C-alpha atoms as a PDB file:
ATOM      1  CA  MET A   1     -59.496  17.875 -30.311  1.00  0.00           C
ATOM      2  CA  ASP A   2     -59.382  21.557 -31.170  1.00  0.00           C
ATOM      3  CA  ASP A   3     -59.496  23.360 -34.494  1.00  0.00           C
ATOM      4  CA  VAL A   4     -55.727  24.018 -34.583  1.00  0.00           C
ATOM      5  CA  ALA A   5     -54.998  20.301 -34.102  1.00  0.00           C
ATOM      6  CA  ILE A   6     -57.333  19.475 -36.994  1.00  0.00           C
ATOM      7  CA  ALA A   7     -55.689  22.175 -39.131  1.00  0.00           C
ATOM      8  CA  ARG A   8     -52.241  20.788 -38.262  1.00  0.00           C
ATOM      9  CA  GLY A   9     -53.338  17.266 -39.205  1.00  0.00           C
ATOM     10  CA  LEU A  10     -54.744  18.484 -42.531  1.00  0.00           C
ATOM     11  CA  HIS A  11     -51.580  20.530 -43.113  1.00  0.00           C
ATOM     12  CA  VAL A  12     -49.254  17.569 -42.566  1.00  0.00           C
ATOM     13  CA  LEU A  13     -51.479  15.265 -44.616  1.00  0.00           C
ATOM     14  CA  GLY A  14     -51.479  17.801 -47.455  1.00  0.00           C
ATOM     15  CA  VAL A  15     -47.695  18.158 -47.377  1.00  0.00           C
ATOM     16  CA  VAL A  16     -47.169  14.389 -47.343  1.00  0.00           C
ATOM     17  CA  VAL A  17     -49.397  13.801 -50.371  1.00  0.00           C
ATOM     18  CA  TRP A  18     -48.188  16.909 -52.254  1.00  0.00           C
ATOM     19  CA  ILE A  19     -44.410  16.604 -51.759  1.00  0.00           C
ATOM     20  CA  GLY A  20     -44.620  12.805 -51.851  1.00  0.00           C
ATOM     21  CA  GLY A  21     -46.228  13.137 -55.278  1.00  0.00           C
ATOM     22  CA  VAL A  22     -43.501  15.522 -56.412  1.00  0.00           C
ATOM     23  CA  SER A  23     -40.947  12.970 -55.223  1.00  0.00           C
ATOM     24  CA  MET A  24     -42.670  10.154 -57.133  1.00  0.00           C
ATOM     25  CA  VAL A  25     -42.805  12.190 -60.350  1.00  0.00           C
ATOM     26  CA  THR A  26     -39.182  13.332 -59.978  1.00  0.00           C
ATOM     27  CA  THR A  27     -37.497  10.108 -58.930  1.00  0.00           C
ATOM     28  CA  VAL A  28     -39.621   7.443 -60.630  1.00  0.00           C
ATOM     29  CA  ILE A  29     -41.919   8.686 -63.386  1.00  0.00           C
ATOM     30  CA  LEU A  30     -39.634  11.137 -65.179  1.00  0.00           C
ATOM     31  CA  PRO A  31     -36.661   8.725 -65.346  1.00  0.00           C
ATOM     32  CA  ALA A  32     -38.979   5.959 -66.610  1.00  0.00           C
ATOM     33  CA  VAL A  33     -40.581   8.218 -69.221  1.00  0.00           C
ATOM     34  CA  ARG A  34     -37.171   9.319 -70.492  1.00  0.00           C
ATOM     35  CA  ARG A  35     -36.468   5.658 -71.355  1.00  0.00           C
ATOM     36  CA  PHE A  36     -39.433   5.435 -73.738  1.00  0.00           C
ATOM     37  CA  LYS A  37     -38.110   4.950 -77.270  1.00  0.00           C
ATOM     38  CA  ASN A  38     -40.967   6.671 -79.074  1.00  0.00           C
ATOM     39  CA  PRO A  39     -41.042  10.458 -78.435  1.00  0.00           C
ATOM     40  CA  GLN A  40     -44.794  10.653 -79.079  1.00  0.00           C
ATOM     41  CA  GLU A  41     -45.487   7.937 -76.495  1.00  0.00           C
ATOM     42  CA  ARG A  42     -43.137   9.688 -74.063  1.00  0.00           C
ATOM     43  CA  VAL A  43     -44.997  12.994 -74.359  1.00  0.00           C
ATOM     44  CA  ALA A  44     -48.458  11.405 -74.300  1.00  0.00           C
ATOM     45  CA  PHE A  45     -47.721   9.264 -71.236  1.00  0.00           C
ATOM     46  CA  PHE A  46     -46.115  12.091 -69.277  1.00  0.00           C
ATOM     47  CA  GLU A  47     -48.966  14.482 -70.088  1.00  0.00           C
ATOM     48  CA  ALA A  48     -51.537  11.876 -68.995  1.00  0.00           C
ATOM     49  CA  VAL A  49     -49.774  11.264 -65.668  1.00  0.00           C
ATOM     50  CA  GLU A  50     -49.029  14.945 -65.115  1.00  0.00           C
ATOM     51  CA  ASN A  51     -52.645  15.902 -65.837  1.00  0.00           C
ATOM     52  CA  ARG A  52     -53.945  13.490 -63.186  1.00  0.00           C
ATOM     53  CA  PHE A  53     -51.331  14.563 -60.645  1.00  0.00           C
ATOM     54  CA  ALA A  54     -51.881  18.281 -61.345  1.00  0.00           C
ATOM     55  CA  TRP A  55     -55.387  18.123 -59.869  1.00  0.00           C
ATOM     56  CA  GLN A  56     -54.124  16.253 -56.817  1.00  0.00           C
ATOM     57  CA  ALA A  57     -51.268  18.741 -56.411  1.00  0.00           C
ATOM     58  CA  ARG A  58     -53.646  21.704 -56.766  1.00  0.00           C
ATOM     59  CA  PHE A  59     -55.984  20.305 -54.121  1.00  0.00           C
ATOM     60  CA  THR A  60     -53.237  19.433 -51.630  1.00  0.00           C
ATOM     61  CA  THR A  61     -51.414  22.725 -52.218  1.00  0.00           C
ATOM     62  CA  LEU A  62     -54.656  24.584 -51.540  1.00  0.00           C
ATOM     63  CA  LEU A  63     -55.347  22.468 -48.449  1.00  0.00           C
ATOM     64  CA  THR A  64     -51.810  23.035 -47.173  1.00  0.00           C
ATOM     65  CA  GLY A  65     -51.967  26.794 -47.719  1.00  0.00           C
ATOM     66  CA  LEU A  66     -55.389  27.231 -46.124  1.00  0.00           C
ATOM     67  CA  SER A  67     -54.528  25.096 -43.102  1.00  0.00           C
ATOM     68  CA  GLY A  68     -51.131  26.753 -42.673  1.00  0.00           C
ATOM     69  CA  PHE A  69     -52.476  30.286 -42.809  1.00  0.00           C
ATOM     70  CA  TYR A  70     -55.342  29.289 -40.525  1.00  0.00           C
ATOM     71  CA  MET A  71     -52.866  28.016 -37.920  1.00  0.00           C
ATOM     72  CA  MET A  72     -50.896  31.276 -38.175  1.00  0.00           C
ATOM     73  CA  TYR A  73     -54.118  33.250 -37.704  1.00  0.00           C
ATOM     74  CA  ALA A  74     -55.642  31.107 -34.937  1.00  0.00           C
ATOM     75  CA  GLN A  75     -52.451  31.091 -32.891  1.00  0.00           C
ATOM     76  CA  GLY A  76     -51.498  34.720 -33.588  1.00  0.00           C
ATOM     77  CA  LEU A  77     -48.144  33.773 -35.078  1.00  0.00           C
ATOM     78  CA  TRP A  78     -47.852  36.436 -37.793  1.00  0.00           C
ATOM     79  CA  GLU A  79     -44.832  37.992 -36.032  1.00  0.00           C
ATOM     80  CA  ARG A  80     -42.825  34.940 -37.032  1.00  0.00           C
ATOM     81  CA  TYR A  81     -42.525  36.542 -40.467  1.00  0.00           C
ATOM     82  CA  THR A  82     -40.446  39.309 -38.864  1.00  0.00           C
ATOM     83  CA  SER A  83     -37.831  37.061 -37.232  1.00  0.00           C
ATOM     84  CA  ALA A  84     -34.885  35.270 -38.839  1.00  0.00           C
ATOM     85  CA  ALA A  85     -35.234  32.597 -36.136  1.00  0.00           C
ATOM     86  CA  TYR A  86     -38.369  31.452 -37.941  1.00  0.00           C
ATOM     87  CA  PHE A  87     -36.798  31.329 -41.400  1.00  0.00           C
ATOM     88  CA  TRP A  88     -38.484  27.972 -41.870  1.00  0.00           C
ATOM     89  CA  VAL A  89     -41.890  29.711 -41.864  1.00  0.00           C
ATOM     90  CA  HIS A  90     -40.607  31.909 -44.678  1.00  0.00           C
ATOM     91  CA  MET A  91     -39.379  28.786 -46.501  1.00  0.00           C
ATOM     92  CA  MET A  92     -42.750  27.050 -46.151  1.00  0.00           C
ATOM     93  CA  THR A  93     -44.535  30.105 -47.479  1.00  0.00           C
ATOM     94  CA  ALA A  94     -42.074  30.514 -50.364  1.00  0.00           C
ATOM     95  CA  VAL A  95     -42.346  26.856 -51.443  1.00  0.00           C
ATOM     96  CA  TRP A  96     -46.128  27.032 -51.196  1.00  0.00           C
ATOM     97  CA  LEU A  97     -46.164  30.268 -53.224  1.00  0.00           C
ATOM     98  CA  ILE A  98     -43.886  28.857 -55.944  1.00  0.00           C
ATOM     99  CA  PHE A  99     -46.025  25.737 -56.388  1.00  0.00           C
ATOM    100  CA  THR A 100     -49.263  27.749 -56.216  1.00  0.00           C
ATOM    101  CA  ILE A 101     -48.092  30.108 -58.953  1.00  0.00           C
ATOM    102  CA  VAL A 102     -46.873  27.224 -61.120  1.00  0.00           C
ATOM    103  CA  LEU A 103     -49.996  25.061 -60.633  1.00  0.00           C
ATOM    104  CA  PHE A 104     -52.693  27.731 -60.734  1.00  0.00           C
ATOM    105  CA  VAL A 105     -51.197  30.412 -63.013  1.00  0.00           C
ATOM    106  CA  LEU A 106     -48.204  29.393 -65.134  1.00  0.00           C
ATOM    107  CA  GLU A 107     -49.233  25.864 -66.039  1.00  0.00           C
ATOM    108  CA  PRO A 108     -52.761  26.688 -67.233  1.00  0.00           C
ATOM    109  CA  LEU A 109     -51.663  29.883 -69.012  1.00  0.00           C
ATOM    110  CA  PHE A 110     -48.612  28.679 -70.901  1.00  0.00           C
ATOM    111  CA  LEU A 111     -46.465  25.904 -69.395  1.00  0.00           C
ATOM    112  CA  HIS A 112     -48.671  23.093 -70.694  1.00  0.00           C
ATOM    113  CA  LYS A 113     -48.593  24.483 -74.248  1.00  0.00           C
ATOM    114  CA  TRP A 114     -44.864  25.244 -74.003  1.00  0.00           C
ATOM    115  CA  PHE A 115     -44.124  21.681 -72.862  1.00  0.00           C
ATOM    116  CA  HIS A 116     -46.163  20.065 -75.615  1.00  0.00           C
ATOM    117  CA  ARG A 117     -44.671  22.256 -78.349  1.00  0.00           C
ATOM    118  CA  ARG A 118     -41.079  21.887 -77.112  1.00  0.00           C
ATOM    119  CA  ALA A 119     -41.373  18.169 -76.337  1.00  0.00           C
ATOM    120  CA  THR A 120     -42.615  17.522 -79.848  1.00  0.00           C
ATOM    121  CA  ALA A 121     -39.603  19.324 -81.346  1.00  0.00           C
ATOM    122  CA  ASP A 122     -36.914  18.225 -78.834  1.00  0.00           C
ATOM    123  CA  PRO A 123     -38.148  15.524 -76.449  1.00  0.00           C
ATOM    124  CA  GLU A 124     -34.760  14.727 -74.896  1.00  0.00           C
ATOM    125  CA  GLY A 125     -33.875  18.350 -74.204  1.00  0.00           C
ATOM    126  CA  THR A 126     -37.343  19.120 -72.893  1.00  0.00           C
ATOM    127  CA  PHE A 127     -37.405  16.182 -70.490  1.00  0.00           C
ATOM    128  CA  ARG A 128     -33.906  17.117 -69.289  1.00  0.00           C
ATOM    129  CA  ILE A 129     -35.172  20.635 -68.445  1.00  0.00           C
ATOM    130  CA  VAL A 130     -38.333  19.287 -66.794  1.00  0.00           C
ATOM    131  CA  GLN A 131     -36.376  16.768 -64.735  1.00  0.00           C
ATOM    132  CA  THR A 132     -33.824  19.389 -63.641  1.00  0.00           C
ATOM    133  CA  LEU A 133     -36.591  21.751 -62.534  1.00  0.00           C
ATOM    134  CA  HIS A 134     -38.363  18.934 -60.694  1.00  0.00           C
ATOM    135  CA  TRP A 135     -35.142  18.009 -58.869  1.00  0.00           C
ATOM    136  CA  ALA A 136     -34.635  21.649 -57.860  1.00  0.00           C
ATOM    137  CA  LEU A 137     -38.200  21.948 -56.555  1.00  0.00           C
ATOM    138  CA  LEU A 138     -38.025  18.608 -54.764  1.00  0.00           C
ATOM    139  CA  THR A 139     -34.711  19.497 -53.102  1.00  0.00           C
ATOM    140  CA  VAL A 140     -35.979  22.866 -51.883  1.00  0.00           C
ATOM    141  CA  SER A 141     -39.205  21.227 -50.710  1.00  0.00           C
ATOM    142  CA  LEU A 142     -37.447  18.487 -48.727  1.00  0.00           C
ATOM    143  CA  VAL A 143     -35.021  20.929 -47.108  1.00  0.00           C
ATOM    144  CA  THR A 144     -38.037  23.051 -46.176  1.00  0.00           C
ATOM    145  CA  VAL A 145     -39.924  20.093 -44.712  1.00  0.00           C
ATOM    146  CA  PHE A 146     -36.854  19.093 -42.670  1.00  0.00           C
ATOM    147  CA  ALA A 147     -36.185  22.613 -41.358  1.00  0.00           C
ATOM    148  CA  SER A 148     -39.878  23.156 -40.636  1.00  0.00           C
ATOM    149  CA  LEU A 149     -40.195  19.952 -38.642  1.00  0.00           C
ATOM    150  CA  LEU A 150     -37.160  20.867 -36.581  1.00  0.00           C
ATOM    151  CA  GLY A 151     -38.410  24.424 -36.055  1.00  0.00           C
ATOM    152  CA  ALA A 152     -41.951  23.368 -35.201  1.00  0.00           C
ATOM    153  CA  HIS A 153     -40.550  20.990 -32.579  1.00  0.00           C
ATOM    154  CA  GLY A 154     -38.543  23.651 -30.809  1.00  0.00           C
ATOM    155  CA  VAL A 155     -35.122  23.614 -32.451  1.00  0.00           C
ATOM    156  CA  GLU A 156     -33.748  27.146 -32.200  1.00  0.00           C
ATOM    157  CA  PHE A 157     -31.716  27.955 -35.292  1.00  0.00           C
ATOM    158  CA  PHE A 158     -30.587  31.444 -34.263  1.00  0.00           C
ATOM    159  CA  ARG A 159     -30.381  31.984 -30.534  1.00  0.00           C
ATOM    160  CA  GLY A 160     -30.969  35.448 -29.200  1.00  0.00           C
ATOM    161  CA  GLN A 161     -33.007  36.705 -32.156  1.00  0.00           C
END
């Protein structure tokens, strides 16, 4: 087994755990938390779950980014960024960049404080915003995973480019 195969395995494993976790939070945890009657319990439970998942998401996002960029480097595939035929590479990078910025920059700097302050004042409105954003991120992520799998397995989206 070569280093690119190991990187690909780590990359796929990272994506499965990362986006699978986003799916679990979006489709199961957030709807369940919104049913809590007590706003303080709602906020406390969500923050506890989110705090545990944040570290997992940070690790798997980092693993996915490092393995993905390593594969690009090791196989000399940087020119894919210059071709519309490989739009799925751009999508993977964009999704990774969005999550990386949110998890490593925005959340520690202000999102956590914003959520706590806003959820205390308006729990229903805050959870509606959080759930909407999670659905948007999950949708973009799943479309990206689908397009990337097709592209990586030879589907040509734009012939002649």
